[in-house]
């Protein structure tokens, strides 16, 4: 007998995944591949992808995932993606180019906006080239061949949903990332459109997460051998879907660790920081907001160092070596972000006593990396707490970047809070996607994913961590001076 299942398409910054997941959140199959990026020589800091190439990759990964899953009955499909990426679309519904979150082709025109505080108050984020409006400006300035054909734009997840359904719509959590959307009001903003000189027609109709968007187009249904009644469900930003997997309450803090690490507080009202250090977005839950500080590239650092020091070992080997290594004479600053700092640290590395000690090992470098991640998470948590408070004795955590129990223990010790994860936290976006599909289809499977693992703070470790934090801050300050000097 075939199992009911869903297809979750997750387009991240570094890779794309297509997962087959049961309504109970069990992952039956996953196809995964790296996204192929290209550079645009017309800009100093640009990167893009070919939409058709990415879509063909998604189709193949979906085929792979379905083969792994075996006999399944796909009831619904949903999509999620990196949050600030967009695709420009022509009048025939064809994608002209894809611009990921890491594309900064608009950086040269950031200073065209004079009242950035007004943009922050409306959009919930300080305007930089990370966000969609500046990507559009970069195209308008130097790629008239594309701009003259462009009629509207979509987030990457909404484009994937369009490829599945033929219906173009912009989900609210994704619209929050454009600088053209009034987050408090939950609508596209005429005022912001005027500031960036982007006509209202470029912004498609909005849609809510967990809404039925349409049925699967025949071509993809035939390729994946889906039932003709398989429905497309609107998804949302990858951070929001990951958050949903933890099933948080209002006023909960959630740490979402992937390529980057957003630290967020779930609120039932719109909050901004008077010092303009934070982001505020719409959640995929109606009437809720995501109040965020981001630790920047963290999980990716850990992954890359694993490839260097532990290329053929799994994460259990790292954990065992960390537990047995008492000689950790190493401190790292690897480009993580703290919202209270005014400028990013663009130079980084490891610092250790010389001559090199015989006690220094590969796990010493991993330990230093985890400490850099943990202290940057703590720094951003303190900003959220300063602005909006937090008196609960726990935080939620999810995402593949938190597979290390050592890291979860460090975070618990530094924050003085329990760090809680649910079963399947490593596949948070896929679990969140299953929950969205359940919600849209009215599927009630009882208390899904109720297994919780808690890491309890070790108070006796706090003093040593305070001393180490001072060393970390000194190391970070040193690399700031190198950044300032242009080295």
Protein backbone atom coordinates (compact mmCIF):
# COMPACT_ATOMS: atom_id res chain seq x y z
CA UNK A 1 0.00 0.00 0.00
CA UNK A 2 1.34 3.41 -0.95
CA UNK A 3 2.22 5.86 1.81
CA UNK A 4 0.82 9.38 1.66
CA UNK A 5 3.65 11.89 1.34
CA UNK A 6 4.59 15.44 0.36
CA UNK A 7 7.34 16.89 -1.82
CA UNK A 8 9.28 19.77 -0.25
CA UNK A 9 11.53 21.83 -2.56
CA UNK A 10 14.15 23.75 -0.52
CA UNK A 11 16.44 26.12 -2.44
CA UNK A 12 19.16 27.32 -0.09
CA UNK A 13 22.17 29.55 -0.62
CA UNK A 14 24.67 26.80 -1.30
CA UNK A 15 22.54 23.84 -2.30
CA UNK A 16 19.08 22.79 -3.39
CA UNK A 17 17.20 19.87 -1.88
CA UNK A 18 14.05 18.03 -2.82
CA UNK A 19 12.64 15.91 0.01
CA UNK A 20 9.82 13.38 0.16
CA UNK A 21 8.28 13.62 3.63
CA UNK A 22 5.34 11.87 5.30
CA UNK A 23 2.61 13.83 7.10
CA UNK A 24 4.24 12.67 10.36
CA UNK A 25 7.50 14.37 9.36
CA UNK A 26 9.50 11.28 8.42
CA UNK A 27 11.91 11.94 5.56
CA UNK A 28 11.67 9.08 3.01
CA UNK A 29 14.06 10.42 0.40
CA UNK A 30 16.24 13.44 -0.34
CA UNK A 31 17.88 14.62 -3.54
CA UNK A 32 20.59 17.22 -2.96
CA UNK A 33 22.91 19.21 -5.22
CA UNK A 34 25.01 22.36 -5.27
CA UNK A 35 23.55 25.45 -6.95
CA UNK A 36 25.63 26.50 -9.95
CA UNK A 37 26.42 30.22 -9.83
CA UNK A 38 28.01 32.56 -12.35
CA UNK A 39 29.64 35.98 -12.07
CA UNK A 40 28.40 39.06 -13.90
CA UNK A 41 31.47 41.07 -14.93
CA UNK A 42 29.47 44.32 -15.11
CA UNK A 43 29.48 44.55 -11.30
CA UNK A 44 32.18 44.18 -8.61
CA UNK A 45 30.07 41.92 -6.37
CA UNK A 46 27.53 40.09 -8.46
CA UNK A 47 26.52 36.47 -8.74
CA UNK A 48 23.56 34.87 -10.51
CA UNK A 49 22.11 31.55 -11.63
CA UNK A 50 20.42 30.38 -14.81
CA UNK A 51 16.76 29.66 -13.97
CA UNK A 52 16.26 26.89 -16.51
CA UNK A 53 19.43 25.14 -15.37
CA UNK A 54 18.29 25.27 -11.74
CA UNK A 55 14.83 24.00 -12.63
CA UNK A 56 16.19 21.02 -14.55
CA UNK A 57 18.38 20.26 -11.53
CA UNK A 58 15.30 20.38 -9.27
CA UNK A 59 13.41 18.02 -11.59
CA UNK A 60 16.27 15.50 -11.46
CA UNK A 61 16.65 15.79 -7.69
CA UNK A 62 12.92 15.24 -7.29
CA UNK A 63 13.19 12.10 -9.42
CA UNK A 64 16.05 10.88 -7.22
CA UNK A 65 14.14 11.57 -3.99
CA UNK A 66 11.03 9.77 -5.25
CA UNK A 67 13.10 6.73 -6.22
CA UNK A 68 14.54 6.63 -2.69
CA UNK A 69 11.08 6.99 -1.16
CA UNK A 70 9.59 3.97 -2.93
CA UNK A 71 5.85 3.60 -3.39
CA UNK A 72 4.27 6.87 -2.26
CA UNK A 73 1.11 8.82 -2.98
CA UNK A 74 2.08 12.49 -3.27
CA UNK A 75 -0.78 14.55 -1.89
CA UNK A 76 0.83 17.99 -2.01
CA UNK A 77 3.98 19.92 -2.88
CA UNK A 78 5.40 23.06 -1.27
CA UNK A 79 8.46 25.25 -1.68
CA UNK A 80 10.87 27.22 0.47
CA UNK A 81 14.09 29.08 -0.24
CA UNK A 82 16.79 31.49 0.84
CA UNK A 83 15.00 34.69 1.70
CA UNK A 84 16.52 37.61 -0.20
CA UNK A 85 16.91 35.97 -3.62
CA UNK A 86 14.67 36.87 -6.57
CA UNK A 87 13.98 36.03 -10.20
CA UNK A 88 13.01 38.62 -12.82
CA UNK A 89 10.11 37.51 -15.02
CA UNK A 90 8.95 38.59 -18.48
CA UNK A 91 5.40 38.99 -19.78
CA UNK A 92 5.28 35.35 -20.90
CA UNK A 93 6.09 34.09 -17.41
CA UNK A 94 9.64 33.13 -18.29
CA UNK A 95 12.42 33.82 -15.80
CA UNK A 96 15.08 36.14 -17.21
CA UNK A 97 17.73 35.73 -14.50
CA UNK A 98 18.09 34.51 -10.93
CA UNK A 99 19.74 36.65 -8.26
CA UNK A 100 20.57 34.89 -4.97
CA UNK A 101 20.82 36.50 -1.56
CA UNK A 102 24.61 36.69 -1.94
CA UNK A 103 24.30 38.88 -5.05
CA UNK A 104 25.32 42.46 -4.20
CA UNK A 105 25.12 44.09 -7.63
CA UNK A 106 23.19 46.99 -6.09
CA UNK A 107 25.85 48.02 -3.57
CA UNK A 108 27.02 50.98 -5.70
CA UNK A 109 23.58 52.58 -5.43
CA UNK A 110 22.94 52.13 -1.70
CA UNK A 111 23.47 55.84 -1.00
CA UNK A 112 20.75 56.93 -3.41
CA UNK A 113 18.28 56.47 -0.56
CA UNK A 114 18.66 59.46 1.74
CA UNK A 115 16.15 58.63 4.50
CA UNK A 116 17.25 55.13 5.41
CA UNK A 117 15.62 55.35 8.83
CA UNK A 118 12.21 55.75 7.19
CA UNK A 119 12.89 52.67 5.09
CA UNK A 120 13.87 50.80 8.26
CA UNK A 121 10.67 51.81 10.08
CA UNK A 122 8.47 50.57 7.23
CA UNK A 123 10.40 47.57 5.92
CA UNK A 124 11.80 46.32 9.22
CA UNK A 125 15.39 46.22 7.98
CA UNK A 126 18.13 48.77 7.33
CA UNK A 127 18.44 49.10 3.54
CA UNK A 128 21.50 47.38 2.06
CA UNK A 129 22.32 45.61 -1.19
CA UNK A 130 21.36 42.29 0.41
CA UNK A 131 17.71 43.07 -0.27
CA UNK A 132 15.70 42.81 -3.47
CA UNK A 133 15.08 46.49 -4.29
CA UNK A 134 18.82 47.08 -4.72
CA UNK A 135 19.20 43.97 -6.88
CA UNK A 136 16.50 45.39 -9.16
CA UNK A 137 18.30 48.75 -9.21
CA UNK A 138 21.54 47.06 -10.22
CA UNK A 139 19.78 45.37 -13.14
CA UNK A 140 18.13 48.65 -14.20
CA UNK A 141 21.46 50.49 -14.12
CA UNK A 142 23.61 48.10 -16.14
CA UNK A 143 21.50 45.30 -17.65
CA UNK A 144 18.92 47.11 -19.76
CA UNK A 145 18.65 44.00 -21.93
CA UNK A 146 17.03 42.29 -18.93
CA UNK A 147 15.28 45.28 -17.38
CA UNK A 148 13.37 46.19 -20.54
CA UNK A 149 11.87 42.69 -20.63
CA UNK A 150 11.11 42.50 -16.89
CA UNK A 151 7.44 42.84 -15.91
CA UNK A 152 7.52 41.51 -12.34
CA UNK A 153 9.73 39.61 -9.92
CA UNK A 154 9.27 36.64 -7.59
CA UNK A 155 11.09 35.21 -4.61
CA UNK A 156 12.93 32.00 -5.37
CA UNK A 157 10.43 29.83 -3.50
CA UNK A 158 7.49 31.57 -5.18
CA UNK A 159 9.15 31.05 -8.57
CA UNK A 160 9.47 27.33 -7.80
CA UNK A 161 5.78 27.27 -6.87
CA UNK A 162 5.03 29.03 -10.17
CA UNK A 163 7.01 26.37 -12.04
CA UNK A 164 4.82 23.74 -10.38
CA UNK A 165 1.43 25.48 -10.68
CA UNK A 166 1.63 28.22 -13.32
CA UNK A 167 0.37 30.76 -10.76
CA UNK A 168 2.52 33.76 -9.82
CA UNK A 169 2.09 35.12 -6.28
CA UNK A 170 4.37 36.48 -3.54
CA UNK A 171 4.20 35.01 -0.04
CA UNK A 172 4.29 37.52 2.85
CA UNK A 173 7.40 36.31 4.72
CA UNK A 174 9.33 36.48 1.44
CA UNK A 175 7.88 39.89 0.55
CA UNK A 176 9.30 41.15 3.87
CA UNK A 177 12.80 40.85 2.37
CA UNK A 178 12.28 43.18 -0.60
CA UNK A 179 12.40 46.70 0.98
CA UNK A 180 9.16 47.31 -0.94
CA UNK A 181 6.80 45.80 1.63
CA UNK A 182 5.23 47.40 4.70
CA UNK A 183 5.78 44.65 7.28
CA UNK A 184 3.45 46.08 9.93
CA UNK A 185 0.60 46.57 7.45
CA UNK A 186 1.23 43.30 5.61
CA UNK A 187 1.02 44.90 2.14
CA UNK A 188 3.21 46.24 -0.63
CA UNK A 189 4.07 49.85 0.20
CA UNK A 190 3.41 52.71 -2.22
CA UNK A 191 5.80 54.87 -0.20
CA UNK A 192 8.66 52.38 -0.44
CA UNK A 193 7.95 51.78 -4.13
CA UNK A 194 8.28 55.52 -4.61
CA UNK A 195 11.55 55.71 -2.68
CA UNK A 196 13.08 53.02 -4.90
CA UNK A 197 11.21 54.10 -8.05
CA UNK A 198 9.79 50.61 -8.59
CA UNK A 199 6.33 50.61 -10.15
CA UNK A 200 3.57 48.77 -8.27
CA UNK A 201 3.05 46.46 -11.27
CA UNK A 202 6.41 44.81 -10.57
CA UNK A 203 5.06 43.45 -7.26
CA UNK A 204 2.67 40.48 -7.77
CA UNK A 205 -0.40 39.75 -5.69
CA UNK A 206 0.45 38.35 -2.26
CA UNK A 207 -0.55 34.97 -0.92
CA UNK A 208 -0.51 33.39 2.52
CA UNK A 209 1.61 30.44 3.54
CA UNK A 210 -0.36 27.17 3.80
CA UNK A 211 -2.85 28.32 1.14
CA UNK A 212 -3.70 26.04 -1.77
CA UNK A 213 -2.17 27.78 -4.79
CA UNK A 214 -3.31 25.38 -7.51
CA UNK A 215 -2.83 21.91 -8.92
CA UNK A 216 0.34 20.48 -10.43
CA UNK A 217 1.01 21.34 -14.07
CA UNK A 218 0.80 18.31 -16.39
CA UNK A 219 4.47 18.31 -17.45
CA UNK A 220 5.90 18.02 -13.94
CA UNK A 221 3.07 15.70 -12.84
CA UNK A 222 3.93 13.34 -15.69
CA UNK A 223 7.67 13.53 -15.07
CA UNK A 224 7.28 12.72 -11.38
CA UNK A 225 4.28 10.40 -11.96
CA UNK A 226 2.05 12.36 -9.61
CA UNK A 227 -1.70 12.12 -9.25
CA UNK A 228 -3.48 14.87 -11.16
CA UNK A 229 -5.07 16.10 -7.93
CA UNK A 230 -1.72 16.73 -6.14
CA UNK A 231 -1.96 20.34 -4.96
CA UNK A 232 0.64 23.09 -4.70
CA UNK A 233 0.76 24.70 -1.25
CA UNK A 234 2.31 28.14 -0.72
CA UNK A 235 5.41 27.79 1.45
CA UNK A 236 7.62 30.68 2.60
CA UNK A 237 11.10 31.73 3.66
CA UNK A 238 13.41 28.94 4.77
CA UNK A 239 13.95 30.54 8.19
CA UNK A 240 10.20 30.70 8.79
CA UNK A 241 9.64 27.08 7.77
CA UNK A 242 12.48 25.99 10.03
CA UNK A 243 10.96 28.01 12.87
CA UNK A 244 7.63 26.28 12.32
CA UNK A 245 9.27 22.88 12.84
CA UNK A 246 10.00 23.83 16.47
CA UNK A 247 6.31 24.73 17.03
CA UNK A 248 7.18 27.81 19.13
CA UNK A 249 4.87 30.01 21.15
CA UNK A 250 4.72 33.80 21.07
CA UNK A 251 7.73 35.25 22.95
CA UNK A 252 9.84 32.13 22.33
CA UNK A 253 13.39 32.52 21.05
CA UNK A 254 14.48 30.22 18.20
CA UNK A 255 18.05 29.68 16.93
CA UNK A 256 18.00 28.58 13.28
CA UNK A 257 21.43 27.36 12.20
CA UNK A 258 22.12 26.73 8.54
CA UNK A 259 24.59 28.54 6.30
CA UNK A 260 23.91 31.54 8.52
CA UNK A 261 22.33 31.62 11.97
CA UNK A 262 19.28 33.81 12.53
CA UNK A 263 18.37 34.23 16.20
CA UNK A 264 14.70 35.20 16.33
CA UNK A 265 11.96 36.05 18.75
CA UNK A 266 8.36 35.26 17.85
CA UNK A 267 6.09 38.23 18.58
CA UNK A 268 2.42 39.06 18.09
CA UNK A 269 3.11 42.71 17.24
CA UNK A 270 5.50 44.71 15.09
CA UNK A 271 8.78 45.63 16.82
CA UNK A 272 11.75 47.61 15.56
CA UNK A 273 14.98 48.53 17.29
CA UNK A 274 15.59 52.25 17.80
CA UNK A 275 19.27 51.61 17.04
CA UNK A 276 18.31 49.88 13.77
CA UNK A 277 20.33 46.73 14.47
CA UNK A 278 17.63 44.11 13.84
CA UNK A 279 15.25 42.80 11.16
CA UNK A 280 11.51 42.31 11.54
CA UNK A 281 9.58 40.10 9.13
CA UNK A 282 6.18 38.54 8.77
CA UNK A 283 5.97 35.00 10.09
CA UNK A 284 4.16 32.33 8.10
CA UNK A 285 1.70 32.09 11.01
CA UNK A 286 -1.08 34.70 10.65
CA UNK A 287 -0.69 37.69 12.97
CA UNK A 288 2.85 36.82 14.04
CA UNK A 289 6.19 38.48 13.39
CA UNK A 290 9.82 37.33 13.40
CA UNK A 291 12.13 39.74 15.28
CA UNK A 292 15.67 38.83 14.24
CA UNK A 293 19.37 39.35 14.76
CA UNK A 294 21.65 37.28 12.54
CA UNK A 295 25.04 35.79 13.41
CA UNK A 296 25.98 35.60 9.74
CA UNK A 297 28.01 32.81 8.18
CA UNK A 298 28.45 30.24 10.92
CA UNK A 299 27.21 26.78 9.95
CA UNK A 300 29.02 27.10 6.63
CA UNK A 301 32.29 27.79 8.50
CA UNK A 302 31.84 24.62 10.54
CA UNK A 303 31.04 22.59 7.42
CA UNK A 304 34.08 23.89 5.54
CA UNK A 305 36.41 23.16 8.46
CA UNK A 306 35.02 19.66 8.73
CA UNK A 307 35.95 19.20 5.06
CA UNK A 308 39.51 20.36 5.84
CA UNK A 309 40.18 18.55 9.13
CA UNK A 310 37.72 15.62 9.00
CA UNK A 311 37.13 14.94 5.29
CA UNK A 312 36.40 11.24 5.72
CA UNK A 313 34.89 11.13 9.22
CA UNK A 314 31.37 11.76 10.41
CA UNK A 315 30.30 14.23 13.09
CA UNK A 316 30.45 11.60 15.85
CA UNK A 317 34.24 11.42 15.45
CA UNK A 318 34.47 15.19 15.93
CA UNK A 319 32.28 15.05 19.03
CA UNK A 320 34.40 12.29 20.56
CA UNK A 321 37.66 14.17 19.92
CA UNK A 322 36.19 17.38 21.34
CA UNK A 323 35.18 15.53 24.50
CA UNK A 324 38.64 14.03 24.99
CA UNK A 325 40.69 17.15 24.16
CA UNK A 326 41.35 19.22 27.28
CA UNK A 327 44.05 21.29 25.51
CA UNK A 328 42.19 23.96 23.57
CA UNK A 329 44.82 26.66 23.23
CA UNK A 330 43.17 28.22 20.20
CA UNK A 331 40.80 31.15 19.58
CA UNK A 332 38.97 31.97 16.35
CA UNK A 333 37.23 34.89 14.72
CA UNK A 334 35.73 33.73 11.43
CA UNK A 335 33.50 36.55 10.21
CA UNK A 336 30.47 35.91 12.41
CA UNK A 337 28.21 38.91 13.01
CA UNK A 338 26.96 40.58 16.18
CA UNK A 339 24.11 43.06 15.75
CA UNK A 340 25.60 45.50 18.28
CA UNK A 341 28.72 45.95 16.10
CA UNK A 342 28.57 48.71 13.51
CA UNK A 343 30.83 47.13 10.89
CA UNK A 344 31.44 43.52 9.84
CA UNK A 345 34.76 41.82 10.55
CA UNK A 346 36.07 41.00 7.05
CA UNK A 347 39.38 39.46 8.12
CA UNK A 348 39.57 36.40 10.32
CA UNK A 349 41.57 33.41 11.42
CA UNK A 350 42.88 31.38 14.34
CA UNK A 351 45.19 32.60 17.11
CA UNK A 352 47.28 30.24 19.26
CA UNK A 353 50.51 30.42 21.28
CA UNK A 354 53.81 29.90 19.50
CA UNK A 355 55.95 27.94 19.11
CA UNK A 356 53.19 25.53 18.14
CA UNK A 357 52.35 23.26 21.04
CA UNK A 358 52.34 19.48 20.66
CA UNK A 359 48.96 19.62 22.40
CA UNK A 360 47.35 21.56 19.54
CA UNK A 361 45.19 19.19 17.48
CA UNK A 362 42.59 19.39 14.75
CA UNK A 363 39.83 19.35 17.35
CA UNK A 364 41.38 22.50 18.88
CA UNK A 365 40.50 24.38 15.69
CA UNK A 366 36.97 22.96 15.66
CA UNK A 367 36.56 23.92 19.33
CA UNK A 368 37.61 27.48 18.56
CA UNK A 369 35.14 27.58 15.65
CA UNK A 370 32.26 26.39 17.84
CA UNK A 371 33.14 28.99 20.45
CA UNK A 372 33.08 31.72 17.79
CA UNK A 373 29.62 30.55 16.73
CA UNK A 374 28.32 30.26 20.29
CA UNK A 375 29.56 33.68 21.42
CA UNK A 376 28.19 35.39 18.31
CA UNK A 377 24.81 33.71 18.89
CA UNK A 378 24.90 34.91 22.49
CA UNK A 379 25.76 38.46 21.41
CA UNK A 380 22.77 38.60 19.09
CA UNK A 381 20.51 37.03 21.70
CA UNK A 382 21.47 39.85 24.07
CA UNK A 383 20.39 42.45 21.50
CA UNK A 384 16.96 40.83 21.13
CA UNK A 385 16.63 40.57 24.89
CA UNK A 386 17.65 44.21 25.35
CA UNK A 387 14.99 45.44 22.91
CA UNK A 388 12.07 43.13 23.69
CA UNK A 389 12.94 41.07 26.79
CA UNK A 390 13.02 37.30 27.28
CA UNK A 391 12.34 35.61 30.62
CA UNK A 392 11.74 32.00 29.60
CA UNK A 393 14.23 29.39 30.81
CA UNK A 394 14.73 27.82 27.38
CA UNK A 395 15.45 28.58 23.74
CA UNK A 396 14.53 26.45 20.74
CA UNK A 397 17.17 25.37 18.23
CA UNK A 398 16.98 23.74 14.80
CA UNK A 399 18.93 23.34 11.57
CA UNK A 400 21.85 21.23 10.41
CA UNK A 401 24.38 23.66 11.88
CA UNK A 402 23.34 22.54 15.37
CA UNK A 403 24.04 18.84 14.89
CA UNK A 404 26.94 19.23 17.31
CA UNK A 405 25.76 18.54 20.86
CA UNK A 406 28.96 20.23 22.03
CA UNK A 407 27.78 23.44 20.35
CA UNK A 408 24.32 23.16 21.90
CA UNK A 409 25.95 22.65 25.31
CA UNK A 410 28.16 25.72 24.82
CA UNK A 411 25.14 27.84 23.89
CA UNK A 412 23.24 26.57 26.94
CA UNK A 413 26.17 27.34 29.24
CA UNK A 414 26.72 30.84 27.85
CA UNK A 415 23.03 31.84 27.79
CA UNK A 416 22.16 30.08 31.02
CA UNK A 417 19.12 28.63 29.21
CA UNK A 418 18.02 25.14 28.22
CA UNK A 419 18.57 24.52 24.51
CA UNK A 420 15.67 22.45 23.17
CA UNK A 421 15.48 20.54 19.88
CA UNK A 422 12.71 18.40 18.46
CA UNK A 423 13.11 15.10 16.65
CA UNK A 424 14.30 15.74 13.09
CA UNK A 425 15.67 19.20 13.90
CA UNK A 426 18.46 18.69 11.35
CA UNK A 427 15.82 18.69 8.57
CA UNK A 428 13.90 21.64 9.96
CA UNK A 429 12.70 23.10 6.66
CA UNK A 430 11.40 19.73 5.48
CA UNK A 431 9.54 19.20 8.76
CA UNK A 432 8.12 22.72 8.52
CA UNK A 433 7.00 22.00 4.97
CA UNK A 434 5.17 18.87 6.11
CA UNK A 435 3.40 20.87 8.81
CA UNK A 436 2.32 23.45 6.22
CA UNK A 437 0.92 20.75 3.95
CA UNK A 438 -0.93 19.15 6.87
CA UNK A 439 -2.41 22.52 7.72
CA UNK A 440 -3.53 23.22 4.16
CA UNK A 441 -5.07 19.78 3.67
CA UNK A 442 -6.65 19.60 7.11
CA UNK A 443 -4.60 16.54 8.03
CA UNK A 444 -4.66 15.88 11.78
CA UNK A 445 -2.10 13.34 12.91
CA UNK A 446 -2.22 14.27 16.58
CA UNK A 447 0.83 15.59 18.41
CA UNK A 448 3.39 15.47 15.62
CA UNK A 449 7.05 15.66 16.47
CA UNK A 450 6.60 15.95 20.24
CA UNK A 451 9.95 14.34 21.13
CA UNK A 452 12.12 17.04 22.71
CA UNK A 453 15.79 16.79 23.71
CA UNK A 454 16.98 19.44 26.18
CA UNK A 455 20.56 20.43 26.91
CA UNK A 456 20.78 21.80 30.45
CA UNK A 457 23.21 24.64 31.34
CA UNK A 458 26.28 23.55 33.28
CA UNK A 459 26.75 26.36 35.78
CA UNK A 460 30.18 25.11 36.89
CA UNK A 461 31.52 25.80 33.37
CA UNK A 462 30.44 29.46 33.28
CA UNK A 463 33.56 31.06 34.82
CA UNK A 464 35.87 29.36 32.33
CA UNK A 465 33.62 30.50 29.50
CA UNK A 466 33.74 34.10 30.71
CA UNK A 467 37.54 33.98 30.59
CA UNK A 468 37.46 32.44 27.12
CA UNK A 469 34.94 35.05 25.95
CA UNK A 470 37.39 37.80 26.92
CA UNK A 471 40.05 36.12 24.76
CA UNK A 472 37.53 35.81 21.92
CA UNK A 473 36.66 39.52 22.12
CA UNK A 474 40.35 40.44 22.08
CA UNK A 475 40.90 38.24 19.04
CA UNK A 476 37.87 39.75 17.34
CA UNK A 477 39.13 43.28 18.09
CA UNK A 478 42.50 42.37 16.58
CA UNK A 479 40.90 41.24 13.32
CA UNK A 480 38.76 44.39 13.30
CA UNK A 481 41.95 46.44 13.21
CA UNK A 482 43.12 44.43 10.20
CA UNK A 483 39.78 45.02 8.49
CA UNK A 484 40.06 48.74 9.18
CA UNK A 485 43.57 48.76 7.76
CA UNK A 486 42.38 46.99 4.62
CA UNK A 487 44.47 43.88 5.22
